[in-house]
N, C-alpha and C. Protein backbone atom coordinates (compact mmCIF):
# COMPACT_ATOMS: atom_id res chain seq x y z
N MET A 1 195.83 122.37 83.33
CA MET A 1 194.73 121.54 82.41
C MET A 1 194.50 120.29 82.62
N SER A 2 193.76 119.64 83.15
CA SER A 2 193.56 118.08 83.29
C SER A 2 193.71 117.35 82.17
N ILE A 3 194.11 116.17 82.32
CA ILE A 3 194.38 115.35 81.25
C ILE A 3 193.22 115.02 80.67
N THR A 4 191.63 114.98 81.51
CA THR A 4 190.34 114.61 80.36
C THR A 4 190.23 115.42 79.94
N SER A 5 190.66 117.00 80.08
CA SER A 5 190.28 118.14 79.29
C SER A 5 191.19 117.84 77.68
N LEU A 6 192.30 116.93 77.74
CA LEU A 6 192.82 116.86 76.08
C LEU A 6 191.93 115.83 75.60
N LEU A 7 191.55 114.76 76.13
CA LEU A 7 190.73 113.82 75.43
C LEU A 7 189.42 114.18 75.06
N PRO A 8 189.44 113.59 73.21
CA PRO A 8 188.03 114.05 72.55
C PRO A 8 186.74 113.97 73.31
N VAL A 9 185.86 114.57 73.06
CA VAL A 9 184.77 114.46 73.25
C VAL A 9 184.17 113.07 72.23
N ALA A 10 183.35 111.90 72.62
CA ALA A 10 182.85 111.07 71.83
C ALA A 10 181.40 111.22 71.95
N ASP A 11 180.84 111.11 70.74
CA ASP A 11 179.35 111.02 70.71
C ASP A 11 178.70 109.57 71.59
N VAL A 12 178.32 110.00 72.33
CA VAL A 12 177.97 108.21 73.29
C VAL A 12 176.90 107.86 72.03
N GLY A 13 175.91 108.31 71.48
CA GLY A 13 175.02 107.57 70.85
C GLY A 13 175.74 107.10 69.40
N ALA A 14 176.75 107.41 68.95
CA ALA A 14 177.67 106.82 67.52
C ALA A 14 178.25 105.45 68.32
N CYS A 15 178.64 105.33 69.24
CA CYS A 15 179.41 104.02 69.57
C CYS A 15 178.81 102.81 69.84
N CYS A 16 177.81 103.20 70.30
CA CYS A 16 176.79 102.27 71.14
C CYS A 16 175.79 101.51 70.29
N ALA A 17 175.75 100.26 69.91
CA ALA A 17 174.94 99.48 69.55
C ALA A 17 173.18 99.55 69.71
N PRO A 18 172.35 99.75 69.52
CA PRO A 18 171.12 99.93 69.51
C PRO A 18 170.51 98.59 70.13
N LEU A 19 169.60 98.60 71.38
CA LEU A 19 168.97 97.51 71.91
C LEU A 19 168.13 97.07 71.08
N THR A 20 167.97 95.56 70.72
CA THR A 20 166.75 95.25 69.89
C THR A 20 165.90 94.39 70.44
N ARG A 21 166.15 94.28 71.81
CA ARG A 21 164.72 93.76 72.43
C ARG A 21 164.74 94.26 74.01
N GLU A 22 163.89 94.07 74.92
CA GLU A 22 163.89 94.27 76.20
C GLU A 22 165.08 93.34 76.86
N THR A 23 165.39 94.30 77.90
CA THR A 23 166.39 93.24 78.69
C THR A 23 165.79 92.91 80.00
N LEU A 24 166.50 92.23 80.43
CA LEU A 24 166.43 91.59 81.78
C LEU A 24 165.68 92.47 82.84
N ALA A 25 164.46 92.57 83.64
CA ALA A 25 164.28 93.28 84.67
C ALA A 25 164.60 93.25 85.91
N ALA A 26 164.66 94.32 86.72
CA ALA A 26 165.61 94.04 88.11
C ALA A 26 165.04 92.65 88.84
N ALA A 27 163.61 92.53 88.86
CA ALA A 27 163.12 91.29 89.77
C ALA A 27 163.43 90.04 89.15
N ASP A 28 163.40 89.91 87.58
CA ASP A 28 163.82 88.71 86.81
C ASP A 28 164.97 88.63 87.29
N ALA A 29 166.01 89.59 87.11
CA ALA A 29 167.32 89.08 87.70
C ALA A 29 167.58 88.91 88.82
N VAL A 30 167.06 89.32 90.03
CA VAL A 30 167.21 88.68 91.30
C VAL A 30 166.69 87.01 91.24
N SER A 31 165.34 87.15 90.78
CA SER A 31 164.85 85.34 90.54
C SER A 31 166.04 84.45 89.89
N LEU A 32 166.59 85.22 88.62
CA LEU A 32 167.01 84.41 87.54
C LEU A 32 168.96 83.66 88.13
N ALA A 33 169.00 84.94 89.32
CA ALA A 33 170.36 85.08 89.67
C ALA A 33 170.34 83.66 91.06
N ARG A 34 168.92 83.53 92.07
CA ARG A 34 168.82 82.84 92.93
C ARG A 34 168.89 81.30 92.02
N SER A 35 168.33 81.23 91.06
CA SER A 35 168.06 80.08 90.25
C SER A 35 169.65 79.20 89.98
N LEU A 36 169.99 80.34 89.30
CA LEU A 36 171.91 79.93 88.90
C LEU A 36 172.66 79.94 90.08
N LYS A 37 172.19 80.24 91.21
CA LYS A 37 173.33 80.10 92.24
C LYS A 37 172.53 78.76 92.40
N ALA A 38 171.35 78.53 92.77
CA ALA A 38 171.21 77.04 93.05
C ALA A 38 171.95 75.70 92.22
N LEU A 39 171.91 76.17 91.15
CA LEU A 39 172.47 75.25 89.81
C LEU A 39 173.95 75.52 89.89
N ALA A 40 174.69 76.40 90.16
CA ALA A 40 176.00 76.67 90.29
C ALA A 40 176.58 75.57 90.94
N ASP A 41 176.49 74.35 91.16
CA ASP A 41 177.52 73.67 91.86
C ASP A 41 177.34 72.36 91.29
N PRO A 42 178.41 71.56 90.81
CA PRO A 42 179.04 70.18 90.25
C PRO A 42 177.81 69.40 90.45
N THR A 43 178.28 68.95 91.91
CA THR A 43 177.03 68.15 92.62
C THR A 43 175.63 68.26 92.33
N ARG A 44 175.35 69.49 92.09
CA ARG A 44 173.90 69.83 92.08
C ARG A 44 173.46 69.34 90.54
N LEU A 45 174.30 69.62 89.87
CA LEU A 45 174.24 69.90 88.09
C LEU A 45 174.01 68.13 88.17
N ARG A 46 174.98 67.65 88.58
CA ARG A 46 174.81 66.33 88.66
C ARG A 46 173.46 65.59 89.02
N LEU A 47 172.97 66.10 90.02
CA LEU A 47 171.82 65.57 90.89
C LEU A 47 170.74 65.83 89.65
N ILE A 48 170.66 66.88 89.27
CA ILE A 48 169.77 67.32 88.38
C ILE A 48 169.49 66.20 87.07
N SER A 49 170.77 65.69 86.72
CA SER A 49 171.14 65.45 85.36
C SER A 49 170.51 63.90 85.76
N ILE A 50 170.89 63.18 86.88
CA ILE A 50 170.66 61.75 87.14
C ILE A 50 169.09 61.76 87.26
N VAL A 51 168.40 62.99 88.24
CA VAL A 51 167.12 62.99 88.03
C VAL A 51 166.39 62.82 86.75
N ALA A 52 166.94 63.79 86.01
CA ALA A 52 166.27 63.91 84.65
C ALA A 52 166.27 62.66 83.74
N ALA A 53 167.28 61.18 83.86
CA ALA A 53 167.79 60.55 83.22
C ALA A 53 166.78 59.24 83.90
N SER A 54 166.41 59.64 85.25
CA SER A 54 165.84 58.51 85.66
C SER A 54 164.33 58.25 85.29
N GLU A 55 163.99 56.98 85.39
CA GLU A 55 162.54 56.95 84.55
C GLU A 55 161.34 57.24 85.25
N GLY A 56 160.69 58.35 84.66
CA GLY A 56 159.58 58.89 85.22
C GLY A 56 160.26 60.23 85.54
N GLN A 57 161.60 60.84 85.14
CA GLN A 57 162.26 62.06 85.88
C GLN A 57 161.71 61.87 87.41
N GLU A 58 162.17 60.78 87.99
CA GLU A 58 162.41 60.67 89.43
C GLU A 58 163.19 59.90 89.92
N ALA A 59 163.84 59.96 90.86
CA ALA A 59 164.59 59.20 91.67
C ALA A 59 164.45 59.20 93.24
N CYS A 60 164.86 58.11 93.83
CA CYS A 60 164.69 57.94 95.37
C CYS A 60 166.40 58.72 95.82
N ALA A 61 166.10 58.90 96.96
CA ALA A 61 167.26 59.71 97.64
C ALA A 61 168.21 58.59 97.80
N CYS A 62 167.84 57.38 98.00
CA CYS A 62 168.96 56.28 98.09
C CYS A 62 169.48 56.13 96.89
N ASP A 63 169.15 56.13 95.46
CA ASP A 63 169.80 55.68 94.34
C ASP A 63 170.77 57.14 94.05
N LEU A 64 170.96 58.05 95.04
CA LEU A 64 171.47 59.59 94.52
C LEU A 64 172.76 59.49 95.01
N THR A 65 173.33 58.91 96.07
CA THR A 65 174.38 59.28 96.91
C THR A 65 175.77 58.29 96.16
N ALA A 66 175.44 57.17 95.88
CA ALA A 66 176.17 56.44 95.38
C ALA A 66 177.01 57.11 93.96
N PRO A 67 176.19 57.51 93.26
CA PRO A 67 176.74 58.32 91.93
C PRO A 67 177.47 59.37 92.39
N VAL A 68 177.07 60.54 92.88
CA VAL A 68 177.80 61.55 93.60
C VAL A 68 179.17 61.56 94.14
N GLY A 69 178.92 60.19 95.23
CA GLY A 69 180.02 59.65 96.06
C GLY A 69 180.19 60.90 96.89
N LEU A 70 179.13 61.23 97.46
CA LEU A 70 179.04 61.72 98.91
C LEU A 70 178.10 61.26 100.08
N SER A 71 178.44 61.40 101.15
CA SER A 71 177.69 60.99 102.13
C SER A 71 175.91 61.54 102.00
N GLN A 72 174.95 60.77 102.59
CA GLN A 72 173.80 61.08 102.43
C GLN A 72 173.39 62.52 103.05
N PRO A 73 173.83 62.79 104.24
CA PRO A 73 173.55 64.12 104.86
C PRO A 73 174.04 65.22 103.69
N THR A 74 174.82 65.16 103.33
CA THR A 74 175.42 66.43 102.12
C THR A 74 174.60 66.27 100.84
N VAL A 75 174.20 64.98 100.34
CA VAL A 75 173.41 65.06 99.70
C VAL A 75 172.04 65.34 99.64
N SER A 76 171.30 65.18 100.87
CA SER A 76 170.34 65.37 101.17
C SER A 76 170.42 67.46 101.60
N HIS A 77 171.14 67.74 101.80
CA HIS A 77 171.10 69.04 101.53
C HIS A 77 171.16 69.76 100.53
N HIS A 78 171.96 69.26 99.39
CA HIS A 78 171.73 69.70 97.88
C HIS A 78 170.41 69.49 97.21
N LEU A 79 170.13 68.47 97.51
CA LEU A 79 168.45 68.07 97.22
C LEU A 79 167.78 69.12 97.82
N LYS A 80 168.03 69.71 98.95
CA LYS A 80 167.02 70.64 99.93
C LYS A 80 166.98 71.77 98.91
N VAL A 81 168.16 72.03 98.52
CA VAL A 81 168.41 73.46 97.94
C VAL A 81 167.96 73.53 96.54
N LEU A 82 168.14 72.32 95.66
CA LEU A 82 167.32 72.29 94.43
C LEU A 82 166.19 72.43 94.69
N THR A 83 165.44 71.59 95.76
CA THR A 83 163.92 71.64 95.70
C THR A 83 163.25 73.09 96.28
N ASP A 84 163.94 74.11 97.13
CA ASP A 84 164.07 75.19 97.70
C ASP A 84 163.53 76.32 96.31
N ALA A 85 164.55 75.77 95.40
CA ALA A 85 164.76 76.75 94.33
C ALA A 85 163.88 76.30 93.29
N GLY A 86 163.12 75.09 93.72
CA GLY A 86 162.13 75.17 92.74
C GLY A 86 162.27 74.03 91.23
N PHE A 87 163.50 73.29 91.43
CA PHE A 87 163.90 72.50 90.14
C PHE A 87 163.04 71.12 90.63
N LEU A 88 163.17 70.73 91.70
CA LEU A 88 163.00 69.18 92.19
C LEU A 88 161.76 69.45 93.14
N THR A 89 160.65 68.37 93.07
CA THR A 89 159.81 68.12 94.50
C THR A 89 160.00 66.79 95.10
N ARG A 90 159.92 67.02 96.07
CA ARG A 90 160.11 65.92 97.35
C ARG A 90 158.73 65.46 97.55
N THR A 91 158.57 63.77 97.35
CA THR A 91 157.68 62.98 98.19
C THR A 91 158.15 62.23 99.32
N GLN A 92 157.37 61.80 100.15
CA GLN A 92 158.14 60.70 101.33
C GLN A 92 157.42 59.58 100.78
N ARG A 93 157.96 58.18 100.86
CA ARG A 93 157.29 57.14 100.62
C ARG A 93 157.85 56.25 101.63
N GLY A 94 157.44 55.80 102.75
CA GLY A 94 157.63 55.15 103.54
C GLY A 94 158.84 56.12 104.36
N ASN A 95 160.40 55.57 104.48
CA ASN A 95 161.33 56.16 105.28
C ASN A 95 162.08 56.87 104.08
N TRP A 96 162.01 56.71 102.56
CA TRP A 96 162.46 57.14 101.59
C TRP A 96 161.71 58.43 101.22
N ALA A 97 163.00 59.66 100.70
CA ALA A 97 162.20 60.65 100.26
C ALA A 97 162.55 60.12 98.63
N HIS A 98 161.51 60.66 97.56
CA HIS A 98 161.84 60.68 95.98
C HIS A 98 161.69 61.90 95.71
N PHE A 99 162.36 62.20 94.71
CA PHE A 99 162.59 63.52 93.86
C PHE A 99 162.31 63.53 92.48
N ALA A 100 161.75 64.48 92.31
CA ALA A 100 160.88 64.77 90.73
C ALA A 100 161.34 65.71 90.48
N LEU A 101 161.90 66.15 88.63
CA LEU A 101 162.25 67.23 88.22
C LEU A 101 160.74 67.84 87.80
N VAL A 102 160.76 69.13 88.41
CA VAL A 102 159.39 69.86 88.01
C VAL A 102 159.50 70.25 86.61
N PRO A 103 158.55 69.70 86.06
CA PRO A 103 158.39 70.23 84.50
C PRO A 103 158.21 71.72 84.07
N GLY A 104 159.18 72.03 83.22
CA GLY A 104 159.27 73.19 82.77
C GLY A 104 160.35 74.43 83.54
N ALA A 105 160.80 73.71 84.79
CA ALA A 105 161.60 74.58 85.65
C ALA A 105 162.88 75.03 84.83
N LEU A 106 163.83 74.06 84.33
CA LEU A 106 165.05 74.15 83.53
C LEU A 106 164.75 75.23 82.49
N ASP A 107 163.55 74.84 81.78
CA ASP A 107 163.06 75.78 80.55
C ASP A 107 163.02 77.34 81.10
N SER A 108 162.50 77.50 82.16
CA SER A 108 162.21 78.82 82.72
C SER A 108 163.50 79.56 82.63
N VAL A 109 164.61 79.03 83.21
CA VAL A 109 165.73 79.59 83.52
C VAL A 109 166.32 79.94 81.88
N ALA A 110 166.14 79.10 81.04
CA ALA A 110 166.66 79.34 79.67
C ALA A 110 165.76 80.30 79.07
N ARG A 111 164.87 80.41 78.93
CA ARG A 111 163.72 81.35 78.78
C ARG A 111 164.42 82.74 79.11
N LEU A 112 164.47 82.80 80.27
CA LEU A 112 165.08 84.29 81.08
C LEU A 112 166.14 84.75 80.34
N LEU A 113 167.25 83.83 80.04
CA LEU A 113 168.40 84.19 79.61
C LEU A 113 168.06 84.83 78.15
N THR A 114 167.21 84.09 77.47
CA THR A 114 167.10 84.40 76.11
C THR A 114 166.35 85.39 75.49
N SER A 115 165.53 85.40 76.41
CA SER A 115 164.18 86.63 75.95
C SER A 115 163.71 87.41 77.18
N ALA A 116 163.12 88.24 76.61
CA ALA A 116 162.67 89.28 77.88
C ALA A 116 161.19 89.59 77.48
């Protein structure tokens, strides 16, 4: 006789709470994971915060290196990740790149987490 045969059989439906709304679809989960991965870095969160707090929610790359205490190439890499993930847009003005927060980009992450 195995140990599992000694365990009582539970009514699976009795112990589980019913779902009250639709869950996250597989494609939405992939998209959300990609977005969260881009945000899951303290430097990137700080960069988003600095850009969001800047006038017009836009900042020059030259103003982003000192606050995070990293080299320009490292900050550029983080900005590229955030741009590729759709959180920032990049425009070139002369020698400098300017980054702006994409309206609603952070809202879409929150919306995916709270509703389906």
